[in-house]
Amino acid sequence: MASILFIRKEKNFMTSAITGGLIKAGFNVLEEPVNVNSIQRYKEDCALILFYTDKI
């Protein structure tokens, strides 16, 4: 199962809907706040890094 690192500022309705849709589609989703350390920590383990940039 492919993993997606989902970077977002805060958890809200939209980010929850995106995460839910990805999980329903069969992806393993790792959610992290906007932070360079998050990207460094998980970049080798994820097939895709998705940034949600609303209000950033």
Protein backbone atom coordinates (compact mmCIF):
# COMPACT_ATOMS: atom_id res chain seq x y z
CA MET A 1 0.00 0.00 0.00
CA ALA A 2 1.42 3.38 -1.00
CA SER A 3 1.90 6.03 1.67
CA ILE A 4 1.11 9.70 1.28
CA LEU A 5 2.50 12.38 3.57
CA PHE A 6 -0.23 14.98 3.95
CA ILE A 7 1.15 18.31 5.20
CA ARG A 8 -1.42 20.83 6.42
CA LYS A 9 -1.53 23.80 8.77
CA GLU A 10 -4.53 22.64 10.77
CA LYS A 11 -7.07 19.85 10.74
CA ASN A 12 -10.45 21.04 9.47
CA PHE A 13 -13.40 19.81 7.44
CA MET A 14 -11.55 19.96 4.12
CA THR A 15 -8.38 18.24 5.31
CA SER A 16 -10.47 15.54 6.99
CA ALA A 17 -12.42 15.01 3.75
CA ILE A 18 -9.21 14.73 1.72
CA THR A 19 -7.66 12.30 4.20
CA GLY A 20 -10.85 10.23 4.32
CA GLY A 21 -11.01 10.02 0.52
CA LEU A 22 -7.39 8.94 0.25
CA ILE A 23 -7.84 6.27 2.92
CA LYS A 24 -11.03 5.05 1.21
CA ALA A 25 -9.04 4.80 -2.05
CA GLY A 26 -6.57 2.48 -0.29
CA PHE A 27 -3.73 4.80 0.63
CA ASN A 28 -1.90 4.96 3.93
CA VAL A 29 -1.98 8.64 4.94
CA LEU A 30 0.44 10.23 7.38
CA GLU A 31 -0.80 13.65 8.54
CA GLU A 32 1.66 16.24 9.81
CA PRO A 33 1.57 19.98 10.45
CA VAL A 34 3.55 22.32 8.19
CA ASN A 35 7.11 21.74 9.34
CA VAL A 36 10.41 21.08 7.56
CA ASN A 37 11.23 18.35 10.09
CA SER A 38 8.08 16.44 9.10
CA ILE A 39 9.19 16.34 5.49
CA GLN A 40 12.72 15.26 6.42
CA ARG A 41 11.44 12.54 8.77
CA TYR A 42 9.04 10.88 6.29
CA LYS A 43 10.31 11.73 2.79
CA GLU A 44 11.94 8.35 2.20
CA ASP A 45 8.88 6.39 3.38
CA CYS A 46 6.25 8.10 1.24
CA ALA A 47 5.44 7.80 -2.44
CA LEU A 48 3.88 11.28 -2.48
CA ILE A 49 3.97 14.44 -0.37
CA LEU A 50 0.74 16.45 -0.55
CA PHE A 51 0.67 20.06 0.71
CA TYR A 52 -2.63 21.67 1.65
CA THR A 53 -1.85 25.39 1.55
CA ASP A 54 -5.14 27.00 2.59
CA LYS A 55 -4.39 30.08 4.72
CA ILE A 56 -0.61 29.59 4.76
